C-alpha atoms as a PDB file:
ATOM      1  CA  GLN A   1      -3.233  -4.629  19.694  1.00  0.00           C
ATOM      2  CA  VAL A   2      -2.529  -5.307  16.310  1.00  0.00           C
ATOM      3  CA  GLN A   3      -3.589  -1.767  14.584  1.00  0.00           C
ATOM      4  CA  ILE A   4      -2.663  -1.488  10.491  1.00  0.00           C
ATOM      5  CA  ALA A   5      -4.253   1.545   9.067  1.00  0.00           C
ATOM      6  CA  GLU A   6      -3.854   3.670   6.018  1.00  0.00           C
ATOM      7  CA  SER A   7      -4.754   7.172   5.671  1.00  0.00           C
ATOM      8  CA  GLY A   8      -4.116   9.638   2.232  1.00  0.00           C
ATOM      9  CA  GLY A   9      -6.439   8.380  -0.141  1.00  0.00           C
ATOM     10  CA  GLY A  10      -9.167  10.883  -2.061  1.00  0.00           C
ATOM     11  CA  LEU A  11      -9.833  12.247  -5.422  1.00  0.00           C
ATOM     12  CA  ALA A  12      -6.525  12.613  -7.736  1.00  0.00           C
ATOM     13  CA  GLN A  13      -6.411  13.752 -11.864  1.00  0.00           C
ATOM     14  CA  PRO A  14      -4.618  11.401 -13.904  1.00  0.00           C
ATOM     15  CA  GLY A  15      -0.676  12.047 -14.733  1.00  0.00           C
ATOM     16  CA  GLY A  16      -0.765  13.659 -10.973  1.00  0.00           C
ATOM     17  CA  SER A  17       1.313  11.724  -7.736  1.00  0.00           C
ATOM     18  CA  LEU A  18      -0.141  10.294  -4.526  1.00  0.00           C
ATOM     19  CA  ARG A  19       1.337   8.814  -1.575  1.00  0.00           C
ATOM     20  CA  ILE A  20      -0.302   6.688   0.541  1.00  0.00           C
ATOM     21  CA  PRO A  21       1.141   5.990   4.199  1.00  0.00           C
ATOM     22  CA  CYS A  22       0.107   2.815   6.209  1.00  0.00           C
ATOM     23  CA  ALA A  23       0.446   3.073  10.246  1.00  0.00           C
ATOM     24  CA  ALA A  24       1.187  -0.318  12.129  1.00  0.00           C
ATOM     25  CA  SER A  25       1.388  -0.608  15.489  1.00  0.00           C
ATOM     26  CA  GLY A  26       1.407  -3.828  18.617  1.00  0.00           C
ATOM     27  CA  ILE A  27       3.511  -5.722  16.018  1.00  0.00           C
ATOM     28  CA  SER A  28       7.932  -5.861  15.599  1.00  0.00           C
ATOM     29  CA  PHE A  29       7.341  -3.666  12.402  1.00  0.00           C
ATOM     30  CA  GLY A  30      10.763  -4.484  11.660  1.00  0.00           C
ATOM     31  CA  PHE A  31      11.322  -7.982  10.929  1.00  0.00           C
ATOM     32  CA  TYR A  32       7.317  -8.181   8.974  1.00  0.00           C
ATOM     33  CA  ASN A  33       6.649  -8.078   5.374  1.00  0.00           C
ATOM     34  CA  MET A  34       4.757  -5.454   4.662  1.00  0.00           C
ATOM     35  CA  GLY A  35       2.368  -5.212   1.290  1.00  0.00           C
ATOM     36  CA  TRP A  36       0.478  -2.509  -0.150  1.00  0.00           C
ATOM     37  CA  TYR A  37      -3.262  -4.070  -2.467  1.00  0.00           C
ATOM     38  CA  ARG A  38      -5.467  -2.420  -4.237  1.00  0.00           C
ATOM     39  CA  GLN A  39      -8.816  -3.373  -5.341  1.00  0.00           C
ATOM     40  CA  PRO A  40     -10.505  -1.637  -7.882  1.00  0.00           C
ATOM     41  CA  PRO A  41     -14.727  -1.798  -8.417  1.00  0.00           C
ATOM     42  CA  GLY A  42     -16.453  -5.553  -8.864  1.00  0.00           C
ATOM     43  CA  LYS A  43     -13.023  -6.683  -8.720  1.00  0.00           C
ATOM     44  CA  GLN A  44     -10.834  -8.731  -6.542  1.00  0.00           C
ATOM     45  CA  ARG A  45      -7.922  -7.212  -4.095  1.00  0.00           C
ATOM     46  CA  GLU A  46      -4.963  -7.768  -5.881  1.00  0.00           C
ATOM     47  CA  SER A  47      -1.257  -7.481  -4.275  1.00  0.00           C
ATOM     48  CA  VAL A  48       0.457  -4.016  -5.489  1.00  0.00           C
ATOM     49  CA  ALA A  49       3.911  -3.933  -4.041  1.00  0.00           C
ATOM     50  CA  THR A  50       5.181  -5.600  -1.465  1.00  0.00           C
ATOM     51  CA  ILE A  51       8.532  -4.633   0.576  1.00  0.00           C
ATOM     52  CA  ARG A  52      10.420  -7.270   3.129  1.00  0.00           C
ATOM     53  CA  PRO A  53      12.501  -6.793   6.695  1.00  0.00           C
ATOM     54  CA  THR A  54      15.928  -6.268   4.583  1.00  0.00           C
ATOM     55  CA  ALA A  55      13.537  -3.830   2.240  1.00  0.00           C
ATOM     56  CA  VAL A  56      13.820  -6.169  -1.073  1.00  0.00           C
ATOM     57  CA  THR A  57      11.291  -5.060  -2.696  1.00  0.00           C
ATOM     58  CA  ASN A  58       8.044  -6.414  -5.284  1.00  0.00           C
ATOM     59  CA  TYR A  59       5.778  -5.220  -7.501  1.00  0.00           C
ATOM     60  CA  THR A  60       3.263  -6.768 -10.278  1.00  0.00           C
ATOM     61  CA  ASP A  61       3.755  -5.667 -13.511  1.00  0.00           C
ATOM     62  CA  SER A  62       0.872  -4.262 -13.961  1.00  0.00           C
ATOM     63  CA  VAL A  63       2.510  -0.699 -11.065  1.00  0.00           C
ATOM     64  CA  LYS A  64       6.461  -1.352 -12.242  1.00  0.00           C
ATOM     65  CA  GLY A  65       7.895   1.587 -13.540  1.00  0.00           C
ATOM     66  CA  ARG A  66       4.924   4.426 -11.124  1.00  0.00           C
ATOM     67  CA  PHE A  67       4.944   2.656  -8.045  1.00  0.00           C
ATOM     68  CA  THR A  68       7.150   2.970  -5.106  1.00  0.00           C
ATOM     69  CA  ILE A  69       6.855   1.182  -1.711  1.00  0.00           C
ATOM     70  CA  SER A  70       9.497   2.224   1.394  1.00  0.00           C
ATOM     71  CA  ARG A  71       9.565   1.889   4.585  1.00  0.00           C
ATOM     72  CA  ASP A  72      10.435   3.463   7.160  1.00  0.00           C
ATOM     73  CA  ASN A  73      11.365   0.844  10.308  1.00  0.00           C
ATOM     74  CA  GLY A  74      12.258   3.604  13.076  1.00  0.00           C
ATOM     75  CA  LYS A  75       8.416   4.879  12.453  1.00  0.00           C
ATOM     76  CA  ASN A  76       6.749   2.014  11.550  1.00  0.00           C
ATOM     77  CA  MET A  77       5.722   3.180   8.369  1.00  0.00           C
ATOM     78  CA  VAL A  78       5.164   2.286   5.170  1.00  0.00           C
ATOM     79  CA  TYR A  79       4.317   3.915   2.193  1.00  0.00           C
ATOM     80  CA  LEU A  80       3.207   3.951  -1.324  1.00  0.00           C
ATOM     81  CA  GLN A  81       4.220   6.564  -3.891  1.00  0.00           C
ATOM     82  CA  ILE A  82       1.680   6.439  -6.834  1.00  0.00           C
ATOM     83  CA  ASN A  83       2.761   8.789 -10.101  1.00  0.00           C
ATOM     84  CA  SER A  84       1.565   9.186 -13.009  1.00  0.00           C
ATOM     85  CA  LEU A  85      -1.902   7.803 -12.296  1.00  0.00           C
ATOM     86  CA  LYS A  86      -4.295   6.322 -13.966  1.00  0.00           C
ATOM     87  CA  PRO A  87      -8.378   6.022 -13.826  1.00  0.00           C
ATOM     88  CA  GLU A  88      -7.373   2.519 -13.695  1.00  0.00           C
ATOM     89  CA  ASP A  89      -5.862   2.875 -10.249  1.00  0.00           C
ATOM     90  CA  THR A  90      -8.665   3.426  -9.001  1.00  0.00           C
ATOM     91  CA  ALA A  91      -9.720   1.325  -6.163  1.00  0.00           C
ATOM     92  CA  VAL A  92      -8.836   0.676  -2.463  1.00  0.00           C
ATOM     93  CA  TYR A  93      -5.834   0.098  -1.382  1.00  0.00           C
ATOM     94  CA  TYR A  94      -4.953  -1.818   1.649  1.00  0.00           C
ATOM     95  CA  CYS A  95      -2.137  -2.334   4.069  1.00  0.00           C
ATOM     96  CA  ASN A  96      -1.143  -5.726   5.126  1.00  0.00           C
ATOM     97  CA  ALA A  97       1.570  -6.915   7.581  1.00  0.00           C
ATOM     98  CA  ASN A  98       2.168 -10.607   6.630  1.00  0.00           C
ATOM     99  CA  GLN A  99       4.995 -12.598   9.265  1.00  0.00           C
ATOM    100  CA  TRP A 100       4.828 -16.295  10.955  1.00  0.00           C
ATOM    101  CA  GLY A 101       1.442 -17.286   9.720  1.00  0.00           C
ATOM    102  CA  GLN A 102      -0.262 -14.097  10.946  1.00  0.00           C
ATOM    103  CA  SER A 103      -1.629 -11.683   8.455  1.00  0.00           C
ATOM    104  CA  TYR A 104      -2.945  -8.021   9.948  1.00  0.00           C
ATOM    105  CA  TRP A 105      -4.504  -5.723   7.128  1.00  0.00           C
ATOM    106  CA  GLY A 106      -6.233  -2.063   7.397  1.00  0.00           C
ATOM    107  CA  GLN A 107      -9.827  -1.058   7.073  1.00  0.00           C
ATOM    108  CA  GLY A 108      -8.247   0.262   3.055  1.00  0.00           C
ATOM    109  CA  THR A 109      -8.714   4.417   2.345  1.00  0.00           C
ATOM    110  CA  GLN A 110      -9.875   4.755  -1.744  1.00  0.00           C
ATOM    111  CA  VAL A 111      -8.260   6.349  -4.295  1.00  0.00           C
ATOM    112  CA  THR A 112     -10.182   7.900  -7.178  1.00  0.00           C
ATOM    113  CA  VAL A 113      -9.108   8.806  -9.886  1.00  0.00           C
ATOM    114  CA  SER A 114     -10.431  11.093 -12.541  1.00  0.00           C
ATOM    115  CA  SER A 115     -10.299  14.894 -13.709  1.00  0.00           C
END
């Protein structure tokens, strides 16, 4: 059974930092493209960062320089480091694993940036 589970969200201050982990099980993790997506209130879900099995990363323009995606294949984990938090980063953050036409999503974790 495939399980994708985000954790580590919550309330954070503008200008602060947050690290969101995602644990994956039931897949050959090292072969999967992993990604972080977010859905702000009242908006559509959008991709923010992806990382390939080769560790090549890609970021949407609005988060470049502030977000860092990383993976630990030995622990089946992917992380999203968010620095210089802004109120517009408020969203539900979702972890995704995809490969070979298969796509798996986590339940999401809420990140709220507010003073």
